């Protein structure tokens, strides 16, 4: 399977919030269908369908340990997503630099005006805690 096909399958599998929650749980360690179904208000067969989608995308593997069939997370597809996102790091770093420059400019303006603005005529100024 080509990288773009793997990414498509991974993003499609992760598009569902239940599957993302299952994957988050499996990041803590392997679990059976019954264990994965506990926090959800859906049936074990529905959880099994979600697991099948995650398995087809390569995000999990199902083990056979006697009568148990625990699922385990597979990090490779997540590493592929991370590598793809890294291609856009320059974009975010540029945005953060712009934000830093704006914040520096705002701080500079704030320190350049030592006195608070005057109150509107007829209104009292808010107390600053300073005595004259």
N, C-alpha and C. Protein backbone atom coordinates (compact mmCIF):
# COMPACT_ATOMS: atom_id res chain seq x y z
N UNK A 1 0.84 -1.17 0.00
CA UNK A 1 0.00 0.00 0.00
C UNK A 1 0.90 1.24 0.00
N UNK A 2 0.61 2.20 -0.87
CA UNK A 2 1.39 3.43 -0.97
C UNK A 2 1.15 4.31 0.25
N UNK A 3 2.08 5.22 0.49
CA UNK A 3 1.98 6.09 1.66
C UNK A 3 0.68 6.88 1.65
N UNK A 4 0.29 7.44 0.50
CA UNK A 4 -0.93 8.23 0.47
C UNK A 4 -2.16 7.36 0.75
N UNK A 5 -2.16 6.11 0.31
CA UNK A 5 -3.27 5.21 0.60
C UNK A 5 -3.32 4.87 2.09
N UNK A 6 -2.13 4.69 2.70
CA UNK A 6 -2.08 4.42 4.15
C UNK A 6 -2.60 5.62 4.92
N UNK A 7 -2.19 6.82 4.49
CA UNK A 7 -2.69 8.03 5.16
C UNK A 7 -4.20 8.15 5.02
N UNK A 8 -4.72 7.89 3.83
CA UNK A 8 -6.17 7.94 3.62
C UNK A 8 -6.89 6.98 4.56
N UNK A 9 -6.40 5.77 4.65
CA UNK A 9 -7.03 4.76 5.51
C UNK A 9 -6.94 5.16 6.98
N UNK A 10 -5.80 5.71 7.37
CA UNK A 10 -5.61 6.13 8.76
C UNK A 10 -6.54 7.28 9.11
N UNK A 11 -6.56 8.32 8.26
CA UNK A 11 -7.44 9.46 8.53
C UNK A 11 -8.90 9.04 8.52
N UNK A 12 -9.28 8.14 7.62
CA UNK A 12 -10.67 7.67 7.58
C UNK A 12 -11.02 6.93 8.88
N UNK A 13 -10.11 6.10 9.35
CA UNK A 13 -10.36 5.36 10.59
C UNK A 13 -10.45 6.31 11.78
N UNK A 14 -9.64 7.34 11.77
CA UNK A 14 -9.62 8.29 12.89
C UNK A 14 -10.72 9.34 12.80
N UNK A 15 -11.50 9.33 11.74
CA UNK A 15 -12.56 10.33 11.59
C UNK A 15 -13.72 10.11 12.56
N UNK A 16 -13.80 8.94 13.15
CA UNK A 16 -14.88 8.63 14.07
C UNK A 16 -14.42 8.82 15.53
N UNK A 17 -15.18 9.56 16.34
CA UNK A 17 -14.76 9.81 17.72
C UNK A 17 -14.68 8.55 18.58
N UNK A 18 -15.53 7.56 18.31
CA UNK A 18 -15.46 6.31 19.07
C UNK A 18 -14.14 5.60 18.78
N UNK A 19 -13.75 5.57 17.52
CA UNK A 19 -12.48 4.90 17.17
C UNK A 19 -11.29 5.65 17.76
N UNK A 20 -11.37 6.99 17.79
CA UNK A 20 -10.28 7.75 18.42
C UNK A 20 -10.21 7.44 19.91
N UNK A 21 -11.36 7.34 20.55
CA UNK A 21 -11.39 7.00 21.99
C UNK A 21 -10.84 5.60 22.23
N UNK A 22 -11.19 4.66 21.37
CA UNK A 22 -10.66 3.30 21.49
C UNK A 22 -9.15 3.32 21.35
N UNK A 23 -8.66 4.06 20.39
CA UNK A 23 -7.22 4.13 20.17
C UNK A 23 -6.52 4.77 21.38
N UNK A 24 -7.14 5.80 21.94
CA UNK A 24 -6.58 6.43 23.15
C UNK A 24 -6.51 5.43 24.30
N UNK A 25 -7.55 4.62 24.44
CA UNK A 25 -7.54 3.60 25.49
C UNK A 25 -6.45 2.58 25.23
N UNK A 26 -6.29 2.16 23.97
CA UNK A 26 -5.27 1.15 23.65
C UNK A 26 -3.85 1.71 23.80
N UNK A 27 -3.71 3.02 23.78
CA UNK A 27 -2.39 3.62 24.01
C UNK A 27 -1.92 3.33 25.44
N UNK A 28 -2.87 3.03 26.33
CA UNK A 28 -2.53 2.70 27.72
C UNK A 28 -2.18 1.23 27.90
N UNK A 29 -2.53 0.41 26.92
CA UNK A 29 -2.25 -1.02 26.99
C UNK A 29 -3.33 -1.80 26.28
N UNK A 30 -3.03 -3.06 26.00
CA UNK A 30 -3.98 -3.88 25.24
C UNK A 30 -5.26 -4.11 26.05
N UNK A 31 -6.35 -4.39 25.31
CA UNK A 31 -7.65 -4.59 25.95
C UNK A 31 -8.52 -5.47 25.07
N UNK A 32 -9.46 -6.15 25.70
CA UNK A 32 -10.41 -7.00 24.97
C UNK A 32 -11.59 -6.15 24.51
N UNK A 33 -12.44 -6.75 23.68
CA UNK A 33 -13.64 -6.06 23.20
C UNK A 33 -14.51 -5.65 24.38
N UNK A 34 -14.69 -6.56 25.34
CA UNK A 34 -15.52 -6.26 26.51
C UNK A 34 -14.95 -5.07 27.29
N UNK A 35 -13.65 -5.05 27.47
CA UNK A 35 -13.01 -3.94 28.19
C UNK A 35 -13.15 -2.63 27.43
N UNK A 36 -13.04 -2.71 26.11
CA UNK A 36 -13.15 -1.50 25.29
C UNK A 36 -14.60 -0.99 25.23
N UNK A 37 -15.57 -1.90 25.35
CA UNK A 37 -16.98 -1.52 25.26
C UNK A 37 -17.49 -0.85 26.54
N UNK A 38 -16.82 -1.09 27.67
CA UNK A 38 -17.30 -0.59 28.97
C UNK A 38 -17.71 0.89 28.97
N UNK A 39 -16.86 1.81 28.53
CA UNK A 39 -17.24 3.23 28.68
C UNK A 39 -18.26 3.72 27.66
N UNK A 40 -18.64 2.88 26.70
CA UNK A 40 -19.52 3.33 25.63
C UNK A 40 -20.94 2.78 25.82
N UNK A 41 -21.89 3.51 25.30
CA UNK A 41 -23.28 3.07 25.33
C UNK A 41 -23.62 2.39 24.00
N UNK A 42 -22.74 1.49 23.57
CA UNK A 42 -22.96 0.73 22.34
C UNK A 42 -22.61 -0.73 22.60
N UNK A 43 -23.08 -1.59 21.75
CA UNK A 43 -22.91 -3.04 21.95
C UNK A 43 -21.47 -3.49 21.64
N UNK A 44 -21.15 -4.68 22.13
CA UNK A 44 -19.85 -5.27 21.82
C UNK A 44 -19.70 -5.52 20.32
N UNK A 45 -20.76 -5.98 19.61
CA UNK A 45 -20.61 -6.13 18.15
C UNK A 45 -20.27 -4.79 17.46
N UNK A 46 -20.84 -3.69 17.95
CA UNK A 46 -20.52 -2.38 17.37
C UNK A 46 -19.06 -2.03 17.62
N UNK A 47 -18.57 -2.33 18.83
CA UNK A 47 -17.15 -2.10 19.14
C UNK A 47 -16.29 -2.96 18.22
N UNK A 48 -16.71 -4.20 18.00
CA UNK A 48 -15.96 -5.09 17.10
C UNK A 48 -15.86 -4.51 15.69
N UNK A 49 -16.95 -3.89 15.22
CA UNK A 49 -16.91 -3.25 13.90
C UNK A 49 -15.90 -2.11 13.87
N UNK A 50 -15.87 -1.32 14.94
CA UNK A 50 -14.89 -0.23 15.02
C UNK A 50 -13.47 -0.80 15.03
N UNK A 51 -13.28 -1.89 15.77
CA UNK A 51 -11.96 -2.52 15.82
C UNK A 51 -11.54 -3.03 14.45
N UNK A 52 -12.50 -3.54 13.69
CA UNK A 52 -12.19 -4.03 12.34
C UNK A 52 -11.68 -2.89 11.47
N UNK A 53 -12.32 -1.73 11.55
CA UNK A 53 -11.88 -0.56 10.77
C UNK A 53 -10.48 -0.15 11.20
N UNK A 54 -10.23 -0.11 12.51
CA UNK A 54 -8.90 0.26 13.00
C UNK A 54 -7.86 -0.76 12.57
N UNK A 55 -8.23 -2.03 12.58
CA UNK A 55 -7.32 -3.10 12.17
C UNK A 55 -7.00 -3.01 10.68
N UNK A 56 -8.02 -2.75 9.86
CA UNK A 56 -7.80 -2.63 8.41
C UNK A 56 -6.92 -1.44 8.07
N UNK A 57 -6.96 -0.41 8.90
CA UNK A 57 -6.11 0.76 8.69
C UNK A 57 -4.71 0.54 9.25
N UNK A 58 -4.50 -0.60 9.92
CA UNK A 58 -3.18 -0.91 10.48
C UNK A 58 -2.92 -0.22 11.81
N UNK A 59 -3.96 0.38 12.41
CA UNK A 59 -3.78 1.10 13.67
C UNK A 59 -3.75 0.18 14.88
N UNK A 60 -4.31 -1.02 14.73
CA UNK A 60 -4.28 -2.00 15.83
C UNK A 60 -4.03 -3.38 15.26
N UNK A 61 -3.62 -4.28 16.13
CA UNK A 61 -3.57 -5.70 15.79
C UNK A 61 -4.39 -6.43 16.84
N UNK A 62 -4.96 -7.56 16.44
CA UNK A 62 -5.73 -8.40 17.36
C UNK A 62 -4.90 -9.63 17.63
N UNK A 63 -4.69 -9.93 18.90
CA UNK A 63 -3.89 -11.07 19.32
C UNK A 63 -4.81 -12.25 19.62
N UNK A 64 -4.24 -13.44 19.59
CA UNK A 64 -5.00 -14.64 19.97
C UNK A 64 -4.28 -15.27 21.16
N UNK A 65 -4.92 -15.12 22.32
CA UNK A 65 -4.37 -15.71 23.55
C UNK A 65 -5.41 -16.62 24.15
N UNK A 66 -5.52 -17.81 23.61
CA UNK A 66 -6.56 -18.73 24.07
C UNK A 66 -7.92 -18.15 23.71
N UNK A 67 -8.84 -18.09 24.68
CA UNK A 67 -10.16 -17.55 24.39
C UNK A 67 -10.15 -16.00 24.28
N UNK A 68 -9.12 -15.38 24.78
CA UNK A 68 -9.02 -13.91 24.73
C UNK A 68 -8.49 -13.46 23.37
N UNK A 69 -9.00 -12.32 22.91
CA UNK A 69 -8.47 -11.70 21.68
C UNK A 69 -8.24 -10.21 21.94
N UNK A 70 -7.24 -9.90 22.75
CA UNK A 70 -7.01 -8.48 23.04
C UNK A 70 -6.50 -7.73 21.81
N UNK A 71 -6.79 -6.46 21.80
CA UNK A 71 -6.30 -5.57 20.74
C UNK A 71 -5.12 -4.79 21.28
N UNK A 72 -4.22 -4.46 20.37
CA UNK A 72 -3.01 -3.70 20.73
C UNK A 72 -2.81 -2.61 19.69
N UNK A 73 -2.40 -1.43 20.13
CA UNK A 73 -2.16 -0.31 19.22
C UNK A 73 -0.90 -0.56 18.40
N UNK A 74 -0.91 -0.11 17.17
CA UNK A 74 0.25 -0.19 16.28
C UNK A 74 0.67 1.25 15.95
N UNK A 75 1.86 1.65 16.33
CA UNK A 75 2.25 3.05 16.18
C UNK A 75 2.63 3.50 14.76
N UNK A 76 2.92 2.59 13.87
CA UNK A 76 3.43 2.97 12.54
C UNK A 76 2.52 3.94 11.78
N UNK A 77 1.20 3.68 11.69
CA UNK A 77 0.36 4.64 10.96
C UNK A 77 0.34 6.02 11.60
N UNK A 78 0.47 6.06 12.92
CA UNK A 78 0.52 7.37 13.60
C UNK A 78 1.83 8.08 13.29
N UNK A 79 2.89 7.32 13.15
CA UNK A 79 4.18 7.91 12.76
C UNK A 79 4.09 8.48 11.34
N UNK A 80 3.35 7.79 10.47
CA UNK A 80 3.15 8.30 9.10
C UNK A 80 2.40 9.63 9.12
N UNK A 81 1.37 9.74 9.97
CA UNK A 81 0.63 11.00 10.09
C UNK A 81 1.55 12.09 10.62
N UNK A 82 2.33 11.75 11.62
CA UNK A 82 3.26 12.74 12.19
C UNK A 82 4.25 13.22 11.13
N UNK A 83 4.78 12.32 10.34
CA UNK A 83 5.72 12.71 9.28
C UNK A 83 5.04 13.62 8.27
N UNK A 84 3.80 13.33 7.93
CA UNK A 84 3.06 14.17 6.99
C UNK A 84 2.83 15.55 7.58
N UNK A 85 2.45 15.61 8.87
CA UNK A 85 2.21 16.90 9.53
C UNK A 85 3.50 17.71 9.66
N UNK A 86 4.62 17.04 9.82
CA UNK A 86 5.90 17.74 9.94
C UNK A 86 6.20 18.59 8.70
N UNK A 87 5.66 18.18 7.55
CA UNK A 87 5.86 18.95 6.33
C UNK A 87 5.24 20.35 6.44
N UNK A 88 4.34 20.54 7.40
CA UNK A 88 3.65 21.81 7.57
C UNK A 88 4.15 22.59 8.79
N UNK A 89 5.17 22.07 9.46
CA UNK A 89 5.70 22.73 10.65
C UNK A 89 6.12 24.16 10.36
N UNK A 90 6.74 24.38 9.20
CA UNK A 90 7.20 25.73 8.85
C UNK A 90 6.06 26.73 8.87
N UNK A 91 4.87 26.29 8.47
CA UNK A 91 3.71 27.17 8.44
C UNK A 91 3.35 27.62 9.85
N UNK A 92 3.27 26.66 10.78
CA UNK A 92 2.92 27.00 12.15
C UNK A 92 4.02 27.80 12.83
N UNK A 93 5.26 27.46 12.57
CA UNK A 93 6.36 28.22 13.18
C UNK A 93 6.32 29.67 12.73
N UNK A 94 6.00 29.92 11.45
CA UNK A 94 5.87 31.29 10.95
C UNK A 94 4.73 32.02 11.64
N UNK A 95 3.61 31.34 11.84
CA UNK A 95 2.47 31.96 12.54
C UNK A 95 2.84 32.28 13.98
N UNK A 96 3.57 31.39 14.63
CA UNK A 96 3.98 31.66 16.01
C UNK A 96 4.96 32.83 16.08
N UNK A 97 5.85 32.94 15.10
CA UNK A 97 6.77 34.10 15.07
C UNK A 97 5.99 35.39 14.91
N UNK A 98 4.96 35.38 14.05
CA UNK A 98 4.12 36.58 13.87
C UNK A 98 3.39 36.92 15.16
N UNK A 99 2.89 35.91 15.84
CA UNK A 99 2.20 36.14 17.10
C UNK A 99 3.16 36.70 18.15
N UNK A 100 4.37 36.14 18.24
CA UNK A 100 5.38 36.66 19.17
C UNK A 100 5.68 38.13 18.89
N UNK A 101 5.83 38.49 17.62
CA UNK A 101 6.13 39.87 17.25
C UNK A 101 4.97 40.78 17.66
N UNK A 102 3.74 40.34 17.45
CA UNK A 102 2.58 41.14 17.83
C UNK A 102 2.51 41.32 19.33
N UNK A 103 2.75 40.24 20.08
CA UNK A 103 2.73 40.33 21.54
C UNK A 103 3.84 41.25 22.05
N UNK A 104 5.01 41.18 21.44
CA UNK A 104 6.11 42.08 21.82
C UNK A 104 5.71 43.53 21.56
N UNK A 105 5.07 43.77 20.43
CA UNK A 105 4.62 45.13 20.09
C UNK A 105 3.58 45.61 21.09
N UNK A 106 2.65 44.76 21.47
CA UNK A 106 1.62 45.14 22.43
C UNK A 106 2.22 45.41 23.80
N UNK A 107 3.20 44.60 24.21
CA UNK A 107 3.88 44.84 25.50
C UNK A 107 4.62 46.16 25.47
N UNK A 108 5.25 46.45 24.36
CA UNK A 108 5.99 47.70 24.21
C UNK A 108 5.05 48.89 24.33
N UNK A 109 3.90 48.82 23.68
CA UNK A 109 2.92 49.91 23.76
C UNK A 109 2.38 50.06 25.17
N UNK A 110 2.20 48.95 25.87
CA UNK A 110 1.67 49.00 27.23
C UNK A 110 2.67 49.65 28.18
N UNK A 111 3.95 49.44 27.99
CA UNK A 111 4.94 50.04 28.88
C UNK A 111 5.25 51.48 28.50
N UNK A 112 4.91 51.89 27.26
CA UNK A 112 5.14 53.27 26.83
C UNK A 112 4.10 54.23 27.39
N UNK A 113 2.93 53.77 27.81
CA UNK A 113 1.89 54.65 28.35
C UNK A 113 1.72 54.37 29.84
N UNK A 114 2.45 55.15 30.69
CA UNK A 114 2.45 54.88 32.13
C UNK A 114 1.14 55.21 32.83
N UNK A 115 0.39 56.19 32.36
CA UNK A 115 -0.85 56.61 33.01
C UNK A 115 -2.05 55.96 32.33
N UNK A 116 -3.04 55.53 33.11
CA UNK A 116 -4.25 54.98 32.49
C UNK A 116 -5.03 56.11 31.83
N UNK A 117 -5.84 55.81 30.84
CA UNK A 117 -6.60 56.85 30.16
C UNK A 117 -7.56 57.53 31.13
N UNK A 118 -7.85 58.82 30.88
CA UNK A 118 -8.77 59.59 31.71
C UNK A 118 -10.17 59.02 31.59
N UNK A 119 -10.95 59.19 32.69
CA UNK A 119 -12.34 58.74 32.67
C UNK A 119 -13.16 59.71 31.84
N UNK A 120 -14.26 59.21 31.32
CA UNK A 120 -15.16 60.06 30.56
C UNK A 120 -15.70 61.14 31.48
N UNK A 121 -16.01 62.32 30.93
CA UNK A 121 -16.58 63.38 31.78
C UNK A 121 -17.85 62.89 32.47
N UNK A 122 -17.98 63.19 33.75
CA UNK A 122 -19.16 62.79 34.50
C UNK A 122 -19.05 61.41 35.10
N UNK A 123 -17.99 60.66 34.79
CA UNK A 123 -17.81 59.32 35.37
C UNK A 123 -16.56 59.33 36.20
N UNK A 124 -16.60 58.60 37.26
CA UNK A 124 -15.42 58.51 38.11
C UNK A 124 -14.44 57.51 37.52
N UNK A 125 -13.16 57.81 37.66
CA UNK A 125 -12.14 56.86 37.22
C UNK A 125 -12.09 55.70 38.20
N UNK A 126 -11.75 54.54 37.72
CA UNK A 126 -11.63 53.39 38.60
C UNK A 126 -10.41 53.59 39.49
N UNK A 127 -10.52 53.23 40.75
CA UNK A 127 -9.35 53.39 41.64
C UNK A 127 -8.22 52.48 41.20
N UNK A 128 -6.99 53.01 41.29
CA UNK A 128 -5.83 52.23 40.89
C UNK A 128 -5.10 51.66 42.07
N UNK A 129 -5.52 52.05 43.27
CA UNK A 129 -4.82 51.56 44.47
C UNK A 129 -3.71 52.48 44.87
N UNK A 130 -3.45 53.53 44.09
CA UNK A 130 -2.39 54.48 44.40
C UNK A 130 -3.01 55.70 45.08
N UNK A 131 -2.35 56.25 46.09
CA UNK A 131 -2.80 57.46 46.74
C UNK A 131 -2.00 58.63 46.21
N UNK A 132 -2.67 59.74 46.07
CA UNK A 132 -1.98 60.95 45.59
C UNK A 132 -1.61 61.81 46.75
